[in-house]
Amino acid sequence: MIGWYRFCTGLEMRKITHGILIGVSAFVLIVTGSLVVRSRSARVESVGPAATGADLHIKEVDLEEESKGVRWRLRAKQALMYEQEGRTTLREPAVQVFERDRSWTIVGEEGEVDKATRNVELRRNVVVTSSDGVRLDTTVLRWDAGERRLWTDAGVTLSRDGSVVRGSGLDVRMESEETTIGGRVSATFVTPGRVQ
């Protein structure tokens, strides 16, 4: 129990929130910057009639860059850009973020980026995993770029090494380095090395 408490407080929690921030920030940078710039030279295929009204359809998105010592890669089955609305939707986005001491993967079934605000929303089966064993599961995850806030009002499950915390919301404030799991919270703690 003490091991999990240490995991959830202080330096380790800051590492988790920092990693999630880097992952979501990379996602924002990937979509808003690279898609727009590279879409002009990307392989563009017709995906049938333009029933969606999108200005640009990009199939099999695969972008990779390095910025400020962090390498990231975005893959998506499809990107639909709506220039007039200032938004891009992604089907099956997957972002990999590689830091010096660990890596993060963020996946969902669909996503949307607001070009003006740089806000991001991932929906349906959203999973954030880190190379050191942290996993976050939810149905929707939002990044508010203006407030530097990662949040959801949907159910969340945070797990590591058999220990699990469940709640009905998540609020990560990057400026104050505060993380809150909301609603009715249930927790199961597993002490490393003990047999269950």
C-alpha atoms as a PDB file:
ATOM      1  CA  MET A   1       0.000   0.000   0.000  1.00  0.00           C
ATOM      2  CA  ILE A   2       2.823   2.389   0.843  1.00  0.00           C
ATOM      3  CA  GLY A   3       4.446   1.702  -2.532  1.00  0.00           C
ATOM      4  CA  TRP A   4       1.283   2.721  -4.391  1.00  0.00           C
ATOM      5  CA  TYR A   5       0.884   5.801  -2.195  1.00  0.00           C
ATOM      6  CA  ARG A   6       4.394   6.863  -3.114  1.00  0.00           C
ATOM      7  CA  PHE A   7       3.560   6.137  -6.720  1.00  0.00           C
ATOM      8  CA  CYS A   8       0.504   8.408  -6.582  1.00  0.00           C
ATOM      9  CA  THR A   9       2.131  11.338  -4.816  1.00  0.00           C
ATOM     10  CA  GLY A  10       5.013  13.711  -5.215  1.00  0.00           C
ATOM     11  CA  LEU A  11       7.601  13.174  -7.877  1.00  0.00           C
ATOM     12  CA  GLU A  12       6.039  10.074  -9.473  1.00  0.00           C
ATOM     13  CA  MET A  13       2.646  11.792  -9.973  1.00  0.00           C
ATOM     14  CA  ARG A  14       4.439  14.759 -11.518  1.00  0.00           C
ATOM     15  CA  LYS A  15       6.188  12.354 -13.890  1.00  0.00           C
ATOM     16  CA  ILE A  16       2.833  10.842 -14.864  1.00  0.00           C
ATOM     17  CA  THR A  17       1.207  14.221 -15.478  1.00  0.00           C
ATOM     18  CA  HIS A  18       4.312  15.451 -17.282  1.00  0.00           C
ATOM     19  CA  GLY A  19       4.280  12.390 -19.524  1.00  0.00           C
ATOM     20  CA  ILE A  20       0.590  12.773 -20.290  1.00  0.00           C
ATOM     21  CA  LEU A  21       1.159  16.469 -21.041  1.00  0.00           C
ATOM     22  CA  ILE A  22       3.994  15.637 -23.411  1.00  0.00           C
ATOM     23  CA  GLY A  23       1.874  13.011 -25.150  1.00  0.00           C
ATOM     24  CA  VAL A  24      -1.131  15.260 -25.605  1.00  0.00           C
ATOM     25  CA  SER A  25       1.013  18.261 -26.532  1.00  0.00           C
ATOM     26  CA  ALA A  26       2.777  16.159 -29.123  1.00  0.00           C
ATOM     27  CA  PHE A  27      -0.598  15.090 -30.452  1.00  0.00           C
ATOM     28  CA  VAL A  28      -1.646  18.742 -30.766  1.00  0.00           C
ATOM     29  CA  LEU A  29       1.591  19.684 -32.480  1.00  0.00           C
ATOM     30  CA  ILE A  30       1.428  16.680 -34.755  1.00  0.00           C
ATOM     31  CA  VAL A  31      -2.053  17.333 -36.012  1.00  0.00           C
ATOM     32  CA  THR A  32      -2.192  21.113 -36.182  1.00  0.00           C
ATOM     33  CA  GLY A  33       1.279  21.673 -37.548  1.00  0.00           C
ATOM     34  CA  SER A  34       2.371  18.691 -39.551  1.00  0.00           C
ATOM     35  CA  LEU A  35      -0.916  17.688 -41.132  1.00  0.00           C
ATOM     36  CA  VAL A  36      -1.507  21.145 -42.492  1.00  0.00           C
ATOM     37  CA  VAL A  37       2.048  21.588 -43.764  1.00  0.00           C
ATOM     38  CA  ARG A  38       2.582  18.065 -45.044  1.00  0.00           C
ATOM     39  CA  SER A  39      -0.926  17.577 -46.408  1.00  0.00           C
ATOM     40  CA  ARG A  40       0.043  19.592 -49.441  1.00  0.00           C
ATOM     41  CA  SER A  41       2.544  16.884 -50.386  1.00  0.00           C
ATOM     42  CA  ALA A  42       0.886  13.873 -48.733  1.00  0.00           C
ATOM     43  CA  ARG A  43      -0.532  10.978 -50.696  1.00  0.00           C
ATOM     44  CA  VAL A  44      -4.175  11.920 -51.092  1.00  0.00           C
ATOM     45  CA  GLU A  45      -6.658   9.325 -52.254  1.00  0.00           C
ATOM     46  CA  SER A  46     -10.302   9.561 -52.970  1.00  0.00           C
ATOM     47  CA  VAL A  47     -12.265   7.806 -50.260  1.00  0.00           C
ATOM     48  CA  GLY A  48     -15.493   7.828 -52.213  1.00  0.00           C
ATOM     49  CA  PRO A  49     -18.066  10.569 -52.463  1.00  0.00           C
ATOM     50  CA  ALA A  50     -17.404  13.561 -50.225  1.00  0.00           C
ATOM     51  CA  ALA A  51     -20.472  12.996 -48.071  1.00  0.00           C
ATOM     52  CA  THR A  52     -18.585  14.434 -45.115  1.00  0.00           C
ATOM     53  CA  GLY A  53     -17.931  17.788 -46.765  1.00  0.00           C
ATOM     54  CA  ALA A  54     -14.264  17.690 -45.762  1.00  0.00           C
ATOM     55  CA  ASP A  55     -11.904  19.896 -47.746  1.00  0.00           C
ATOM     56  CA  LEU A  56      -9.121  17.324 -47.646  1.00  0.00           C
ATOM     57  CA  HIS A  57      -9.108  13.547 -47.101  1.00  0.00           C
ATOM     58  CA  ILE A  58      -5.822  11.911 -46.176  1.00  0.00           C
ATOM     59  CA  LYS A  59      -5.639   8.140 -45.977  1.00  0.00           C
ATOM     60  CA  GLU A  60      -3.076   6.241 -43.866  1.00  0.00           C
ATOM     61  CA  VAL A  61      -1.487   9.188 -42.044  1.00  0.00           C
ATOM     62  CA  ASP A  62       2.030   8.488 -40.777  1.00  0.00           C
ATOM     63  CA  LEU A  63       4.018  11.463 -39.447  1.00  0.00           C
ATOM     64  CA  GLU A  64       7.156  11.492 -37.350  1.00  0.00           C
ATOM     65  CA  GLU A  65       9.135  14.397 -35.906  1.00  0.00           C
ATOM     66  CA  GLU A  66      11.454  15.429 -33.112  1.00  0.00           C
ATOM     67  CA  SER A  67      10.954  18.605 -31.105  1.00  0.00           C
ATOM     68  CA  LYS A  68      12.673  19.815 -27.933  1.00  0.00           C
ATOM     69  CA  GLY A  69      14.295  16.441 -27.294  1.00  0.00           C
ATOM     70  CA  VAL A  70      11.032  14.525 -27.646  1.00  0.00           C
ATOM     71  CA  ARG A  71      10.425  12.287 -30.649  1.00  0.00           C
ATOM     72  CA  TRP A  72       6.847  11.530 -31.619  1.00  0.00           C
ATOM     73  CA  ARG A  73       4.956   9.625 -34.266  1.00  0.00           C
ATOM     74  CA  LEU A  74       1.316   9.944 -35.328  1.00  0.00           C
ATOM     75  CA  ARG A  75      -0.505   7.270 -37.253  1.00  0.00           C
ATOM     76  CA  ALA A  76      -4.166   7.366 -38.236  1.00  0.00           C
ATOM     77  CA  LYS A  77      -6.327   5.444 -40.677  1.00  0.00           C
ATOM     78  CA  GLN A  78      -7.743   8.697 -42.021  1.00  0.00           C
ATOM     79  CA  ALA A  79      -7.656  12.462 -41.500  1.00  0.00           C
ATOM     80  CA  LEU A  80     -10.456  14.756 -42.633  1.00  0.00           C
ATOM     81  CA  MET A  81      -9.620  18.460 -42.701  1.00  0.00           C
ATOM     82  CA  TYR A  82     -12.387  21.054 -42.561  1.00  0.00           C
ATOM     83  CA  GLU A  83     -10.614  24.318 -43.377  1.00  0.00           C
ATOM     84  CA  GLN A  84     -13.606  26.647 -42.932  1.00  0.00           C
ATOM     85  CA  GLU A  85     -14.499  25.134 -39.545  1.00  0.00           C
ATOM     86  CA  GLY A  86     -10.845  25.046 -38.523  1.00  0.00           C
ATOM     87  CA  ARG A  87     -10.889  21.454 -37.383  1.00  0.00           C
ATOM     88  CA  THR A  88      -9.372  18.111 -38.284  1.00  0.00           C
ATOM     89  CA  THR A  89     -10.922  14.753 -37.444  1.00  0.00           C
ATOM     90  CA  LEU A  90      -8.901  11.564 -37.205  1.00  0.00           C
ATOM     91  CA  ARG A  91     -10.017   7.978 -37.454  1.00  0.00           C
ATOM     92  CA  GLU A  92      -8.097   5.527 -35.245  1.00  0.00           C
ATOM     93  CA  PRO A  93      -5.347   7.925 -34.143  1.00  0.00           C
ATOM     94  CA  ALA A  94      -2.297   6.487 -32.387  1.00  0.00           C
ATOM     95  CA  VAL A  95       0.462   8.708 -31.008  1.00  0.00           C
ATOM     96  CA  GLN A  96       3.790   7.432 -29.748  1.00  0.00           C
ATOM     97  CA  VAL A  97       5.951   9.802 -27.697  1.00  0.00           C
ATOM     98  CA  PHE A  98       9.548   8.936 -26.929  1.00  0.00           C
ATOM     99  CA  GLU A  99      11.271  10.754 -24.062  1.00  0.00           C
ATOM    100  CA  ARG A 100      14.799  10.128 -22.891  1.00  0.00           C
ATOM    101  CA  ASP A 101      13.795   7.837 -19.999  1.00  0.00           C
ATOM    102  CA  ARG A 102      10.422   6.436 -21.129  1.00  0.00           C
ATOM    103  CA  SER A 103       7.830   6.353 -23.868  1.00  0.00           C
ATOM    104  CA  TRP A 104       4.067   6.904 -24.091  1.00  0.00           C
ATOM    105  CA  THR A 105       1.376   5.626 -26.423  1.00  0.00           C
ATOM    106  CA  ILE A 106      -2.039   7.272 -26.766  1.00  0.00           C
ATOM    107  CA  VAL A 107      -4.751   5.596 -28.852  1.00  0.00           C
ATOM    108  CA  GLY A 108      -8.445   6.072 -29.495  1.00  0.00           C
ATOM    109  CA  GLU A 109     -10.991   5.227 -32.150  1.00  0.00           C
ATOM    110  CA  GLU A 110     -11.501   8.844 -33.196  1.00  0.00           C
ATOM    111  CA  GLY A 111     -10.132  12.279 -32.460  1.00  0.00           C
ATOM    112  CA  GLU A 112     -10.661  15.915 -33.259  1.00  0.00           C
ATOM    113  CA  VAL A 113      -8.350  18.918 -33.193  1.00  0.00           C
ATOM    114  CA  ASP A 114      -9.504  22.542 -33.181  1.00  0.00           C
ATOM    115  CA  LYS A 115      -6.968  24.485 -35.248  1.00  0.00           C
ATOM    116  CA  ALA A 116      -7.591  27.879 -33.596  1.00  0.00           C
ATOM    117  CA  THR A 117      -7.526  26.809 -29.947  1.00  0.00           C
ATOM    118  CA  ARG A 118      -5.287  23.742 -30.373  1.00  0.00           C
ATOM    119  CA  ASN A 119      -7.740  21.859 -28.169  1.00  0.00           C
ATOM    120  CA  VAL A 120      -7.863  18.099 -28.701  1.00  0.00           C
ATOM    121  CA  GLU A 121     -10.513  15.510 -27.950  1.00  0.00           C
ATOM    122  CA  LEU A 122      -9.984  11.759 -28.258  1.00  0.00           C
ATOM    123  CA  ARG A 123     -13.040   9.504 -28.080  1.00  0.00           C
ATOM    124  CA  ARG A 124     -14.030   5.864 -27.808  1.00  0.00           C
ATOM    125  CA  ASN A 125     -11.681   3.390 -26.143  1.00  0.00           C
ATOM    126  CA  VAL A 126      -8.983   5.907 -25.249  1.00  0.00           C
ATOM    127  CA  VAL A 127      -5.911   4.274 -23.729  1.00  0.00           C
ATOM    128  CA  VAL A 128      -2.724   5.979 -22.530  1.00  0.00           C
ATOM    129  CA  THR A 129       0.163   3.650 -21.670  1.00  0.00           C
ATOM    130  CA  SER A 130       3.734   4.295 -20.606  1.00  0.00           C
ATOM    131  CA  SER A 131       6.808   2.114 -20.889  1.00  0.00           C
ATOM    132  CA  ASP A 132       7.085   2.052 -17.081  1.00  0.00           C
ATOM    133  CA  GLY A 133       3.716   0.331 -16.697  1.00  0.00           C
ATOM    134  CA  VAL A 134       1.236   3.173 -16.131  1.00  0.00           C
ATOM    135  CA  ARG A 135      -2.074   2.758 -17.979  1.00  0.00           C
ATOM    136  CA  LEU A 136      -5.049   5.112 -18.201  1.00  0.00           C
ATOM    137  CA  ASP A 137      -8.345   3.944 -19.749  1.00  0.00           C
ATOM    138  CA  THR A 138     -11.352   6.154 -20.502  1.00  0.00           C
ATOM    139  CA  THR A 139     -13.969   6.797 -23.192  1.00  0.00           C
ATOM    140  CA  VAL A 140     -13.050  10.433 -23.837  1.00  0.00           C
ATOM    141  CA  LEU A 141      -9.967  12.516 -23.062  1.00  0.00           C
ATOM    142  CA  ARG A 142      -9.692  16.254 -23.714  1.00  0.00           C
ATOM    143  CA  TRP A 143      -6.768  18.670 -23.802  1.00  0.00           C
ATOM    144  CA  ASP A 144      -7.532  22.353 -23.216  1.00  0.00           C
ATOM    145  CA  ALA A 145      -4.446  24.096 -24.583  1.00  0.00           C
ATOM    146  CA  GLY A 146      -5.349  27.531 -23.157  1.00  0.00           C
ATOM    147  CA  GLU A 147      -5.665  26.252 -19.595  1.00  0.00           C
ATOM    148  CA  ARG A 148      -3.026  23.527 -20.044  1.00  0.00           C
ATOM    149  CA  ARG A 149      -5.569  21.103 -18.670  1.00  0.00           C
ATOM    150  CA  LEU A 150      -6.075  17.423 -19.460  1.00  0.00           C
ATOM    151  CA  TRP A 151      -9.496  16.240 -18.382  1.00  0.00           C
ATOM    152  CA  THR A 152     -12.494  14.000 -18.767  1.00  0.00           C
ATOM    153  CA  ASP A 153     -15.837  13.727 -17.048  1.00  0.00           C
ATOM    154  CA  ALA A 154     -16.120  10.091 -18.128  1.00  0.00           C
ATOM    155  CA  GLY A 155     -15.099   7.092 -16.058  1.00  0.00           C
ATOM    156  CA  VAL A 156     -11.356   6.518 -15.721  1.00  0.00           C
ATOM    157  CA  THR A 157      -9.166   3.621 -14.678  1.00  0.00           C
ATOM    158  CA  LEU A 158      -5.545   4.263 -13.722  1.00  0.00           C
ATOM    159  CA  SER A 159      -3.425   1.170 -13.159  1.00  0.00           C
ATOM    160  CA  ARG A 160       0.129   0.069 -12.570  1.00  0.00           C
ATOM    161  CA  ASP A 161       1.649  -3.219 -11.375  1.00  0.00           C
ATOM    162  CA  GLY A 162      -1.743  -4.678 -10.388  1.00  0.00           C
ATOM    163  CA  SER A 163      -2.832  -1.617  -8.398  1.00  0.00           C
ATOM    164  CA  VAL A 164      -5.960   0.066  -9.783  1.00  0.00           C
ATOM    165  CA  VAL A 165      -7.733   3.368  -9.100  1.00  0.00           C
ATOM    166  CA  ARG A 166     -11.161   4.016 -10.635  1.00  0.00           C
ATOM    167  CA  GLY A 167     -13.181   7.215 -10.656  1.00  0.00           C
ATOM    168  CA  SER A 168     -15.729   9.139 -12.666  1.00  0.00           C
ATOM    169  CA  GLY A 169     -13.476  11.886 -13.945  1.00  0.00           C
ATOM    170  CA  LEU A 170      -9.911  13.094 -14.288  1.00  0.00           C
ATOM    171  CA  ASP A 171      -8.546  16.621 -14.048  1.00  0.00           C
ATOM    172  CA  VAL A 172      -4.841  17.287 -14.578  1.00  0.00           C
ATOM    173  CA  ARG A 173      -3.760  20.930 -14.152  1.00  0.00           C
ATOM    174  CA  MET A 174      -0.287  21.287 -15.581  1.00  0.00           C
ATOM    175  CA  GLU A 175       0.517  24.739 -14.127  1.00  0.00           C
ATOM    176  CA  SER A 176      -0.149  23.701 -10.527  1.00  0.00           C
ATOM    177  CA  GLU A 177       0.866  20.062 -11.106  1.00  0.00           C
ATOM    178  CA  GLU A 178      -2.401  18.891  -9.537  1.00  0.00           C
ATOM    179  CA  THR A 179      -4.121  15.675 -10.538  1.00  0.00           C
ATOM    180  CA  THR A 180      -7.603  14.783  -9.327  1.00  0.00           C
ATOM    181  CA  ILE A 181      -9.592  11.636  -9.940  1.00  0.00           C
ATOM    182  CA  GLY A 182     -13.202  12.602  -9.320  1.00  0.00           C
ATOM    183  CA  GLY A 183     -16.503  11.124  -8.251  1.00  0.00           C
ATOM    184  CA  ARG A 184     -16.742   7.946  -6.266  1.00  0.00           C
ATOM    185  CA  VAL A 185     -13.197   6.638  -6.234  1.00  0.00           C
ATOM    186  CA  SER A 186     -12.326   3.008  -5.629  1.00  0.00           C
ATOM    187  CA  ALA A 187      -8.787   1.786  -5.247  1.00  0.00           C
ATOM    188  CA  THR A 188      -7.060  -1.572  -4.995  1.00  0.00           C
ATOM    189  CA  PHE A 189      -3.427  -1.466  -3.946  1.00  0.00           C
ATOM    190  CA  VAL A 190      -0.939  -4.244  -4.526  1.00  0.00           C
ATOM    191  CA  THR A 191       2.376  -4.155  -2.716  1.00  0.00           C
ATOM    192  CA  PRO A 192       5.174  -5.177  -5.087  1.00  0.00           C
ATOM    193  CA  GLY A 193       6.579  -8.607  -4.308  1.00  0.00           C
ATOM    194  CA  ARG A 194       3.538  -9.835  -2.339  1.00  0.00           C
ATOM    195  CA  VAL A 195       1.488 -12.751  -3.534  1.00  0.00           C
ATOM    196  CA  GLN A 196      -2.225 -12.026  -3.867  1.00  0.00           C
END
